[in-house]
Amino acid sequence: MNSYAESRSRAARRKGVSAPAYGPIDAALGFALFYYLVARGGPTIEAVVTELFATVSPATVGFGLAGFLWFVFVVTTIDQVRRQLAALGVGSERDVSRQARSRGPPSSARLAAYLGLILVGGGLALATFASAIDTAIALLPALAALDVGAFVSVEFVVMVVFFVSYSVATHSLDRLLIGGLRALLSTPV
């Protein structure tokens, strides 16, 4: 006798829905970087906000940052759960149809390309990490003062290279691992 979950899973496969959905590794690594930036930049953010608004205490700013981190974490988690459920065929028709358009297991050429992008993007991100984080934190006061001249520098370009390469590496890692998992799950036993 078939269970409800098995019949839903078969229905999802008939519709062409690919499970698991792409995105959870990319989202987790993106949140980890965001958390690190907020944690490292917290004292600078507190100093900038308390300078702009004299009535706001640093403890209030710290509490606001912590609340903001929790908010981003909860929204990211809900989005990833919704995406995974849509990949299984559960959810609104719009979510399910969007997941049905996503590719199934990647080809070996696509996996090799993802591996190459991980190596290049990860290497660039690793090489520019410290400088990019320091630049991002140093630009916070310039951003508050609307000093456009601070954004025209070699350090700013290095920071942009870091964020782009980190994004490429995490996206490729997500596609490689989830695609590999899809390939394992799609092979007949």
N, C-alpha and C. Protein backbone atom coordinates (compact mmCIF):
# COMPACT_ATOMS: atom_id res chain seq x y z
N MET A 1 0.85 -1.18 0.00
CA MET A 1 0.00 0.00 0.00
C MET A 1 0.89 1.24 0.00
N ASN A 2 0.58 2.18 -0.87
CA ASN A 2 1.38 3.39 -1.00
C ASN A 2 0.98 4.43 0.04
N SER A 3 1.97 5.09 0.54
CA SER A 3 1.69 6.16 1.49
C SER A 3 1.47 7.47 0.73
N TYR A 4 0.97 8.44 1.45
CA TYR A 4 0.71 9.75 0.86
C TYR A 4 1.99 10.39 0.36
N ALA A 5 3.07 10.27 1.12
CA ALA A 5 4.35 10.88 0.75
C ALA A 5 4.89 10.24 -0.53
N GLU A 6 4.76 8.93 -0.66
CA GLU A 6 5.25 8.26 -1.87
C GLU A 6 4.46 8.70 -3.09
N SER A 7 3.14 8.84 -2.94
CA SER A 7 2.34 9.26 -4.09
C SER A 7 2.64 10.71 -4.46
N ARG A 8 2.91 11.57 -3.46
CA ARG A 8 3.29 12.96 -3.74
C ARG A 8 4.63 13.00 -4.46
N SER A 9 5.56 12.17 -4.01
CA SER A 9 6.89 12.13 -4.62
C SER A 9 6.81 11.66 -6.07
N ARG A 10 6.00 10.62 -6.33
CA ARG A 10 5.82 10.14 -7.70
C ARG A 10 5.16 11.20 -8.56
N ALA A 11 4.18 11.90 -8.00
CA ALA A 11 3.51 12.97 -8.75
C ALA A 11 4.49 14.09 -9.08
N ALA A 12 5.35 14.38 -8.15
CA ALA A 12 6.35 15.43 -8.40
C ALA A 12 7.31 15.00 -9.50
N ARG A 13 7.73 13.73 -9.51
CA ARG A 13 8.62 13.25 -10.56
C ARG A 13 7.93 13.27 -11.92
N ARG A 14 6.63 12.93 -11.95
CA ARG A 14 5.90 12.97 -13.21
C ARG A 14 5.81 14.39 -13.75
N LYS A 15 5.67 15.37 -12.87
CA LYS A 15 5.60 16.76 -13.29
C LYS A 15 6.96 17.29 -13.70
N GLY A 16 8.02 16.56 -13.46
CA GLY A 16 9.36 17.02 -13.81
C GLY A 16 10.00 17.86 -12.72
N VAL A 17 9.47 17.79 -11.52
CA VAL A 17 10.02 18.58 -10.43
C VAL A 17 11.28 17.90 -9.93
N SER A 18 12.33 18.67 -9.77
CA SER A 18 13.60 18.13 -9.33
C SER A 18 13.79 18.39 -7.85
N ALA A 19 14.08 17.34 -7.12
CA ALA A 19 14.32 17.49 -5.69
C ALA A 19 15.67 16.88 -5.39
N PRO A 20 16.42 17.42 -4.51
CA PRO A 20 16.20 18.64 -3.76
C PRO A 20 16.40 19.87 -4.62
N ALA A 21 15.84 20.97 -4.20
CA ALA A 21 15.95 22.22 -4.94
C ALA A 21 17.35 22.81 -4.73
N TYR A 22 17.79 23.54 -5.72
CA TYR A 22 19.06 24.25 -5.60
C TYR A 22 18.89 25.42 -4.64
N GLY A 23 19.95 25.78 -3.94
CA GLY A 23 19.94 26.99 -3.14
C GLY A 23 20.31 26.89 -1.68
N PRO A 24 20.14 25.76 -0.98
CA PRO A 24 20.38 25.79 0.46
C PRO A 24 21.85 26.02 0.85
N ILE A 25 22.78 25.49 0.09
CA ILE A 25 24.19 25.68 0.42
C ILE A 25 24.60 27.11 0.14
N ASP A 26 24.15 27.64 -0.99
CA ASP A 26 24.42 29.03 -1.34
C ASP A 26 23.83 29.97 -0.29
N ALA A 27 22.61 29.69 0.15
CA ALA A 27 21.96 30.54 1.17
C ALA A 27 22.69 30.45 2.51
N ALA A 28 23.11 29.26 2.90
CA ALA A 28 23.80 29.09 4.18
C ALA A 28 25.15 29.81 4.18
N LEU A 29 25.90 29.68 3.09
CA LEU A 29 27.20 30.35 3.02
C LEU A 29 27.04 31.86 2.87
N GLY A 30 26.00 32.30 2.18
CA GLY A 30 25.72 33.73 2.09
C GLY A 30 25.36 34.32 3.44
N PHE A 31 24.54 33.58 4.21
CA PHE A 31 24.19 34.06 5.55
C PHE A 31 25.42 34.05 6.46
N ALA A 32 26.27 33.06 6.33
CA ALA A 32 27.48 33.00 7.16
C ALA A 32 28.38 34.22 6.90
N LEU A 33 28.52 34.60 5.64
CA LEU A 33 29.31 35.80 5.32
C LEU A 33 28.63 37.06 5.87
N PHE A 34 27.32 37.14 5.72
CA PHE A 34 26.58 38.29 6.24
C PHE A 34 26.73 38.39 7.76
N TYR A 35 26.62 37.25 8.44
CA TYR A 35 26.79 37.22 9.89
C TYR A 35 28.20 37.69 10.28
N TYR A 36 29.20 37.21 9.56
CA TYR A 36 30.58 37.59 9.85
C TYR A 36 30.77 39.10 9.65
N LEU A 37 30.22 39.62 8.57
CA LEU A 37 30.34 41.06 8.32
C LEU A 37 29.68 41.88 9.42
N VAL A 38 28.50 41.48 9.84
CA VAL A 38 27.80 42.21 10.90
C VAL A 38 28.55 42.08 12.22
N ALA A 39 29.06 40.90 12.51
CA ALA A 39 29.80 40.70 13.76
C ALA A 39 31.08 41.53 13.77
N ARG A 40 31.83 41.51 12.66
CA ARG A 40 33.06 42.30 12.58
C ARG A 40 32.79 43.80 12.51
N GLY A 41 31.73 44.18 11.81
CA GLY A 41 31.42 45.59 11.64
C GLY A 41 30.53 46.16 12.72
N GLY A 42 30.11 45.34 13.67
CA GLY A 42 29.20 45.80 14.73
C GLY A 42 29.69 47.03 15.47
N PRO A 43 30.93 47.03 15.97
CA PRO A 43 31.41 48.23 16.68
C PRO A 43 31.42 49.48 15.79
N THR A 44 31.77 49.31 14.52
CA THR A 44 31.78 50.46 13.61
C THR A 44 30.36 50.94 13.34
N ILE A 45 29.45 50.02 13.15
CA ILE A 45 28.05 50.39 12.94
C ILE A 45 27.51 51.11 14.16
N GLU A 46 27.82 50.59 15.36
CA GLU A 46 27.38 51.25 16.59
C GLU A 46 27.93 52.67 16.68
N ALA A 47 29.22 52.84 16.35
CA ALA A 47 29.83 54.17 16.43
C ALA A 47 29.19 55.13 15.42
N VAL A 48 28.92 54.66 14.22
CA VAL A 48 28.33 55.52 13.19
C VAL A 48 26.91 55.91 13.58
N VAL A 49 26.12 54.95 14.03
CA VAL A 49 24.72 55.24 14.37
C VAL A 49 24.64 56.15 15.59
N THR A 50 25.46 55.91 16.61
CA THR A 50 25.41 56.77 17.80
C THR A 50 25.94 58.17 17.50
N GLU A 51 26.82 58.28 16.50
CA GLU A 51 27.29 59.61 16.10
C GLU A 51 26.19 60.36 15.34
N LEU A 52 25.45 59.65 14.49
CA LEU A 52 24.38 60.28 13.73
C LEU A 52 23.18 60.61 14.62
N PHE A 53 22.86 59.71 15.53
CA PHE A 53 21.70 59.90 16.42
C PHE A 53 22.21 59.84 17.86
N ALA A 54 22.38 60.98 18.45
CA ALA A 54 22.99 61.07 19.79
C ALA A 54 22.15 60.41 20.87
N THR A 55 20.84 60.28 20.64
CA THR A 55 19.97 59.71 21.67
C THR A 55 19.96 58.18 21.68
N VAL A 56 20.58 57.56 20.69
CA VAL A 56 20.59 56.10 20.58
C VAL A 56 21.85 55.57 21.27
N SER A 57 21.66 54.61 22.15
CA SER A 57 22.80 54.03 22.86
C SER A 57 23.43 52.90 22.03
N PRO A 58 24.70 52.61 22.25
CA PRO A 58 25.34 51.50 21.54
C PRO A 58 24.67 50.15 21.82
N ALA A 59 24.15 49.98 23.04
CA ALA A 59 23.47 48.72 23.37
C ALA A 59 22.21 48.56 22.53
N THR A 60 21.51 49.64 22.28
CA THR A 60 20.30 49.58 21.45
C THR A 60 20.66 49.21 20.01
N VAL A 61 21.73 49.78 19.52
CA VAL A 61 22.18 49.46 18.16
C VAL A 61 22.59 47.99 18.08
N GLY A 62 23.32 47.51 19.08
CA GLY A 62 23.72 46.10 19.12
C GLY A 62 22.51 45.17 19.17
N PHE A 63 21.52 45.55 19.96
CA PHE A 63 20.29 44.75 20.04
C PHE A 63 19.56 44.76 18.69
N GLY A 64 19.55 45.92 18.03
CA GLY A 64 18.93 46.02 16.71
C GLY A 64 19.64 45.16 15.68
N LEU A 65 20.97 45.15 15.73
CA LEU A 65 21.74 44.30 14.81
C LEU A 65 21.46 42.82 15.05
N ALA A 66 21.39 42.45 16.32
CA ALA A 66 21.09 41.05 16.64
C ALA A 66 19.69 40.67 16.15
N GLY A 67 18.73 41.56 16.36
CA GLY A 67 17.38 41.31 15.87
C GLY A 67 17.34 41.21 14.36
N PHE A 68 18.11 42.07 13.69
CA PHE A 68 18.16 42.03 12.23
C PHE A 68 18.77 40.73 11.73
N LEU A 69 19.82 40.26 12.40
CA LEU A 69 20.42 38.97 12.02
C LEU A 69 19.42 37.83 12.17
N TRP A 70 18.68 37.82 13.27
CA TRP A 70 17.67 36.78 13.46
C TRP A 70 16.58 36.88 12.40
N PHE A 71 16.17 38.09 12.06
CA PHE A 71 15.15 38.27 11.03
C PHE A 71 15.63 37.70 9.70
N VAL A 72 16.85 38.04 9.30
CA VAL A 72 17.40 37.53 8.04
C VAL A 72 17.52 36.01 8.08
N PHE A 73 17.94 35.46 9.22
CA PHE A 73 18.05 34.01 9.36
C PHE A 73 16.69 33.33 9.19
N VAL A 74 15.67 33.85 9.84
CA VAL A 74 14.34 33.24 9.77
C VAL A 74 13.78 33.34 8.35
N VAL A 75 13.91 34.49 7.71
CA VAL A 75 13.40 34.66 6.35
C VAL A 75 14.13 33.73 5.38
N THR A 76 15.44 33.62 5.53
CA THR A 76 16.22 32.73 4.66
C THR A 76 15.81 31.27 4.87
N THR A 77 15.62 30.88 6.11
CA THR A 77 15.22 29.50 6.41
C THR A 77 13.83 29.20 5.85
N ILE A 78 12.89 30.11 6.03
CA ILE A 78 11.54 29.90 5.50
C ILE A 78 11.57 29.79 3.98
N ASP A 79 12.35 30.65 3.34
CA ASP A 79 12.46 30.60 1.88
C ASP A 79 13.04 29.27 1.42
N GLN A 80 14.06 28.77 2.10
CA GLN A 80 14.67 27.51 1.69
C GLN A 80 13.73 26.32 1.93
N VAL A 81 12.99 26.35 3.03
CA VAL A 81 12.01 25.28 3.28
C VAL A 81 10.92 25.31 2.22
N ARG A 82 10.44 26.51 1.87
CA ARG A 82 9.42 26.65 0.83
C ARG A 82 9.94 26.12 -0.51
N ARG A 83 11.19 26.42 -0.83
CA ARG A 83 11.78 25.95 -2.09
C ARG A 83 11.90 24.42 -2.11
N GLN A 84 12.29 23.83 -0.99
CA GLN A 84 12.42 22.37 -0.93
C GLN A 84 11.05 21.70 -1.04
N LEU A 85 10.06 22.29 -0.39
CA LEU A 85 8.71 21.73 -0.50
C LEU A 85 8.17 21.86 -1.91
N ALA A 86 8.45 22.97 -2.57
CA ALA A 86 8.01 23.15 -3.95
C ALA A 86 8.68 22.12 -4.86
N ALA A 87 9.93 21.79 -4.56
CA ALA A 87 10.63 20.77 -5.36
C ALA A 87 9.98 19.40 -5.20
N LEU A 88 9.34 19.19 -4.07
CA LEU A 88 8.63 17.93 -3.84
C LEU A 88 7.20 17.96 -4.36
N GLY A 89 6.78 19.11 -4.86
CA GLY A 89 5.42 19.24 -5.39
C GLY A 89 4.43 19.76 -4.38
N VAL A 90 4.91 20.22 -3.23
CA VAL A 90 4.04 20.75 -2.19
C VAL A 90 4.15 22.27 -2.23
N GLY A 91 3.04 22.94 -2.22
CA GLY A 91 3.07 24.40 -2.21
C GLY A 91 2.15 24.96 -3.26
N SER A 92 2.25 26.26 -3.45
CA SER A 92 1.39 26.91 -4.44
C SER A 92 1.81 26.49 -5.84
N GLU A 93 0.90 26.61 -6.77
CA GLU A 93 1.16 26.21 -8.14
C GLU A 93 2.32 27.00 -8.74
N ARG A 94 2.44 28.27 -8.37
CA ARG A 94 3.52 29.11 -8.88
C ARG A 94 4.87 28.60 -8.42
N ASP A 95 4.98 28.25 -7.13
CA ASP A 95 6.25 27.73 -6.60
C ASP A 95 6.62 26.41 -7.27
N VAL A 96 5.63 25.55 -7.43
CA VAL A 96 5.88 24.24 -8.02
C VAL A 96 6.28 24.39 -9.48
N SER A 97 5.61 25.26 -10.22
CA SER A 97 5.95 25.41 -11.63
C SER A 97 7.33 26.03 -11.80
N ARG A 98 7.73 26.93 -10.88
CA ARG A 98 9.06 27.52 -10.95
C ARG A 98 10.11 26.44 -10.69
N GLN A 99 9.88 25.57 -9.72
CA GLN A 99 10.83 24.50 -9.45
C GLN A 99 10.87 23.49 -10.59
N ALA A 100 9.73 23.29 -11.29
CA ALA A 100 9.70 22.35 -12.40
C ALA A 100 10.59 22.83 -13.55
N ARG A 101 10.76 24.15 -13.67
CA ARG A 101 11.62 24.68 -14.73
C ARG A 101 13.10 24.53 -14.42
N SER A 102 13.44 24.28 -13.14
CA SER A 102 14.86 24.14 -12.82
C SER A 102 15.37 22.83 -13.38
N ARG A 103 16.65 22.83 -13.71
CA ARG A 103 17.26 21.66 -14.33
C ARG A 103 17.33 20.49 -13.37
N GLY A 104 17.37 19.31 -13.94
CA GLY A 104 17.57 18.11 -13.15
C GLY A 104 19.06 17.94 -12.85
N PRO A 105 19.51 16.71 -12.77
CA PRO A 105 20.93 16.49 -12.49
C PRO A 105 21.79 17.09 -13.60
N PRO A 106 22.87 17.77 -13.26
CA PRO A 106 23.71 18.39 -14.29
C PRO A 106 24.55 17.34 -15.03
N SER A 107 24.93 17.70 -16.24
CA SER A 107 25.78 16.81 -17.04
C SER A 107 27.20 16.84 -16.46
N SER A 108 28.01 15.91 -16.91
CA SER A 108 29.39 15.86 -16.40
C SER A 108 30.18 17.10 -16.84
N ALA A 109 29.88 17.64 -18.02
CA ALA A 109 30.55 18.88 -18.46
C ALA A 109 30.16 20.05 -17.56
N ARG A 110 28.89 20.12 -17.19
CA ARG A 110 28.43 21.19 -16.31
C ARG A 110 29.05 21.03 -14.92
N LEU A 111 29.16 19.80 -14.45
CA LEU A 111 29.81 19.56 -13.15
C LEU A 111 31.28 19.99 -13.18
N ALA A 112 31.96 19.72 -14.28
CA ALA A 112 33.36 20.14 -14.42
C ALA A 112 33.46 21.67 -14.43
N ALA A 113 32.51 22.32 -15.11
CA ALA A 113 32.50 23.79 -15.13
C ALA A 113 32.27 24.35 -13.73
N TYR A 114 31.34 23.74 -12.99
CA TYR A 114 31.09 24.18 -11.61
C TYR A 114 32.34 23.99 -10.75
N LEU A 115 33.02 22.88 -10.93
CA LEU A 115 34.25 22.64 -10.17
C LEU A 115 35.31 23.69 -10.50
N GLY A 116 35.45 24.02 -11.77
CA GLY A 116 36.38 25.06 -12.17
C GLY A 116 36.02 26.41 -11.58
N LEU A 117 34.73 26.74 -11.59
CA LEU A 117 34.28 28.01 -11.01
C LEU A 117 34.50 28.05 -9.50
N ILE A 118 34.34 26.90 -8.85
CA ILE A 118 34.61 26.85 -7.41
C ILE A 118 36.09 27.13 -7.15
N LEU A 119 36.96 26.51 -7.93
CA LEU A 119 38.40 26.70 -7.74
C LEU A 119 38.82 28.14 -8.02
N VAL A 120 38.36 28.71 -9.13
CA VAL A 120 38.75 30.08 -9.48
C VAL A 120 38.09 31.08 -8.53
N GLY A 121 36.77 30.96 -8.36
CA GLY A 121 36.06 31.90 -7.48
C GLY A 121 36.50 31.77 -6.04
N GLY A 122 36.69 30.55 -5.58
CA GLY A 122 37.14 30.33 -4.21
C GLY A 122 38.55 30.85 -3.99
N GLY A 123 39.41 30.64 -4.98
CA GLY A 123 40.78 31.15 -4.87
C GLY A 123 40.82 32.67 -4.81
N LEU A 124 40.05 33.31 -5.70
CA LEU A 124 39.98 34.77 -5.68
C LEU A 124 39.38 35.28 -4.37
N ALA A 125 38.32 34.62 -3.91
CA ALA A 125 37.69 35.04 -2.65
C ALA A 125 38.65 34.87 -1.49
N LEU A 126 39.38 33.79 -1.48
CA LEU A 126 40.35 33.56 -0.40
C LEU A 126 41.47 34.59 -0.43
N ALA A 127 41.93 34.93 -1.62
CA ALA A 127 43.03 35.90 -1.75
C ALA A 127 42.61 37.32 -1.37
N THR A 128 41.35 37.66 -1.58
CA THR A 128 40.89 39.02 -1.33
C THR A 128 40.05 39.17 -0.06
N PHE A 129 39.88 38.09 0.69
CA PHE A 129 38.98 38.09 1.85
C PHE A 129 39.31 39.17 2.88
N ALA A 130 40.52 39.15 3.41
CA ALA A 130 40.88 40.06 4.51
C ALA A 130 40.78 41.52 4.07
N SER A 131 41.31 41.82 2.91
CA SER A 131 41.26 43.20 2.41
C SER A 131 39.82 43.65 2.17
N ALA A 132 38.99 42.76 1.62
CA ALA A 132 37.60 43.12 1.31
C ALA A 132 36.80 43.37 2.59
N ILE A 133 36.98 42.54 3.59
CA ILE A 133 36.24 42.74 4.85
C ILE A 133 36.67 44.04 5.51
N ASP A 134 37.97 44.28 5.56
CA ASP A 134 38.47 45.53 6.15
C ASP A 134 37.94 46.75 5.39
N THR A 135 37.92 46.66 4.06
CA THR A 135 37.41 47.77 3.25
C THR A 135 35.93 47.98 3.48
N ALA A 136 35.16 46.90 3.54
CA ALA A 136 33.72 47.03 3.77
C ALA A 136 33.44 47.72 5.09
N ILE A 137 34.18 47.35 6.12
CA ILE A 137 33.99 47.97 7.44
C ILE A 137 34.47 49.42 7.42
N ALA A 138 35.58 49.69 6.75
CA ALA A 138 36.09 51.06 6.68
C ALA A 138 35.18 51.98 5.88
N LEU A 139 34.40 51.43 4.95
CA LEU A 139 33.51 52.25 4.15
C LEU A 139 32.21 52.61 4.86
N LEU A 140 31.92 51.99 5.99
CA LEU A 140 30.68 52.29 6.70
C LEU A 140 30.57 53.76 7.10
N PRO A 141 31.59 54.36 7.71
CA PRO A 141 31.48 55.79 8.02
C PRO A 141 31.36 56.66 6.76
N ALA A 142 32.06 56.29 5.68
CA ALA A 142 31.96 57.05 4.43
C ALA A 142 30.55 56.94 3.84
N LEU A 143 29.94 55.79 3.99
CA LEU A 143 28.57 55.60 3.52
C LEU A 143 27.61 56.47 4.31
N ALA A 144 27.80 56.54 5.62
CA ALA A 144 26.94 57.37 6.46
C ALA A 144 27.12 58.86 6.14
N ALA A 145 28.33 59.24 5.77
CA ALA A 145 28.61 60.65 5.46
C ALA A 145 28.33 60.96 3.98
N LEU A 146 27.93 59.96 3.23
CA LEU A 146 27.68 60.09 1.79
C LEU A 146 28.90 60.65 1.06
N ASP A 147 30.06 60.13 1.40
CA ASP A 147 31.32 60.52 0.79
C ASP A 147 31.58 59.60 -0.40
N VAL A 148 31.19 60.05 -1.59
CA VAL A 148 31.30 59.24 -2.80
C VAL A 148 32.76 59.00 -3.17
N GLY A 149 33.63 59.90 -2.83
CA GLY A 149 35.04 59.76 -3.16
C GLY A 149 35.69 58.54 -2.53
N ALA A 150 35.16 58.08 -1.41
CA ALA A 150 35.73 56.92 -0.74
C ALA A 150 35.50 55.63 -1.53
N PHE A 151 34.53 55.64 -2.43
CA PHE A 151 34.19 54.43 -3.17
C PHE A 151 35.02 54.29 -4.45
N VAL A 152 35.88 55.24 -4.72
CA VAL A 152 36.72 55.18 -5.91
C VAL A 152 38.14 54.89 -5.45
N SER A 153 38.44 53.61 -5.29
CA SER A 153 39.77 53.23 -4.85
C SER A 153 40.04 51.79 -5.26
N VAL A 154 41.30 51.42 -5.18
CA VAL A 154 41.70 50.04 -5.50
C VAL A 154 41.08 49.09 -4.48
N GLU A 155 41.03 49.50 -3.22
CA GLU A 155 40.46 48.64 -2.18
C GLU A 155 38.99 48.34 -2.45
N PHE A 156 38.27 49.34 -2.97
CA PHE A 156 36.86 49.14 -3.31
C PHE A 156 36.72 48.10 -4.42
N VAL A 157 37.58 48.18 -5.43
CA VAL A 157 37.56 47.20 -6.53
C VAL A 157 37.88 45.80 -6.00
N VAL A 158 38.84 45.70 -5.09
CA VAL A 158 39.18 44.41 -4.48
C VAL A 158 37.98 43.86 -3.72
N MET A 159 37.26 44.74 -3.02
CA MET A 159 36.08 44.31 -2.28
C MET A 159 35.01 43.79 -3.23
N VAL A 160 34.80 44.47 -4.34
CA VAL A 160 33.81 44.02 -5.33
C VAL A 160 34.24 42.67 -5.91
N VAL A 161 35.52 42.53 -6.22
CA VAL A 161 36.03 41.25 -6.74
C VAL A 161 35.78 40.14 -5.72
N PHE A 162 36.00 40.43 -4.43
CA PHE A 162 35.76 39.42 -3.41
C PHE A 162 34.30 38.98 -3.40
N PHE A 163 33.38 39.95 -3.35
CA PHE A 163 31.97 39.58 -3.26
C PHE A 163 31.48 38.84 -4.50
N VAL A 164 31.93 39.24 -5.66
CA VAL A 164 31.53 38.54 -6.89
C VAL A 164 32.12 37.13 -6.91
N SER A 165 33.41 37.00 -6.58
CA SER A 165 34.03 35.67 -6.62
C SER A 165 33.45 34.76 -5.54
N TYR A 166 33.14 35.31 -4.36
CA TYR A 166 32.51 34.52 -3.30
C TYR A 166 31.13 34.03 -3.76
N SER A 167 30.39 34.92 -4.39
CA SER A 167 29.07 34.55 -4.88
C SER A 167 29.16 33.46 -5.95
N VAL A 168 30.09 33.60 -6.88
CA VAL A 168 30.28 32.59 -7.92
C VAL A 168 30.68 31.25 -7.30
N ALA A 169 31.59 31.29 -6.34
CA ALA A 169 32.05 30.05 -5.71
C ALA A 169 30.93 29.36 -4.93
N THR A 170 30.16 30.12 -4.14
CA THR A 170 29.09 29.49 -3.36
C THR A 170 27.96 28.99 -4.27
N HIS A 171 27.64 29.74 -5.31
CA HIS A 171 26.62 29.29 -6.25
C HIS A 171 27.06 28.00 -6.94
N SER A 172 28.31 27.96 -7.37
CA SER A 172 28.83 26.77 -8.05
C SER A 172 28.91 25.58 -7.10
N LEU A 173 29.31 25.83 -5.85
CA LEU A 173 29.36 24.75 -4.86
C LEU A 173 27.97 24.19 -4.62
N ASP A 174 26.99 25.07 -4.52
CA ASP A 174 25.60 24.63 -4.34
C ASP A 174 25.16 23.78 -5.53
N ARG A 175 25.42 24.26 -6.74
CA ARG A 175 25.02 23.51 -7.93
C ARG A 175 25.75 22.17 -8.02
N LEU A 176 27.02 22.16 -7.65
CA LEU A 176 27.80 20.92 -7.71
C LEU A 176 27.28 19.90 -6.70
N LEU A 177 27.10 20.31 -5.45
CA LEU A 177 26.67 19.36 -4.41
C LEU A 177 25.22 18.94 -4.58
N ILE A 178 24.32 19.90 -4.82
CA ILE A 178 22.91 19.54 -5.00
C ILE A 178 22.73 18.76 -6.30
N GLY A 179 23.45 19.17 -7.35
CA GLY A 179 23.38 18.42 -8.61
C GLY A 179 23.89 17.00 -8.45
N GLY A 180 24.97 16.84 -7.69
CA GLY A 180 25.47 15.49 -7.40
C GLY A 180 24.48 14.68 -6.61
N LEU A 181 23.84 15.31 -5.65
CA LEU A 181 22.81 14.61 -4.86
C LEU A 181 21.62 14.24 -5.74
N ARG A 182 21.24 15.13 -6.65
CA ARG A 182 20.15 14.81 -7.59
C ARG A 182 20.53 13.63 -8.47
N ALA A 183 21.78 13.61 -8.93
CA ALA A 183 22.24 12.51 -9.78
C ALA A 183 22.21 11.19 -9.00
N LEU A 184 22.64 11.24 -7.73
CA LEU A 184 22.58 10.01 -6.91
C LEU A 184 21.14 9.54 -6.69
N LEU A 185 20.25 10.49 -6.46
CA LEU A 185 18.86 10.13 -6.20
C LEU A 185 18.13 9.68 -7.46
N SER A 186 18.59 10.12 -8.64
CA SER A 186 17.90 9.76 -9.88
C SER A 186 18.37 8.43 -10.46
N THR A 187 19.49 7.90 -9.98
CA THR A 187 19.96 6.62 -10.50
C THR A 187 19.10 5.51 -9.92
N PRO A 188 18.69 4.59 -10.78
CA PRO A 188 17.87 3.48 -10.30
C PRO A 188 18.69 2.55 -9.37
N VAL A 189 18.02 2.04 -8.39
CA VAL A 189 18.68 1.15 -7.41
C VAL A 189 18.61 -0.27 -7.87
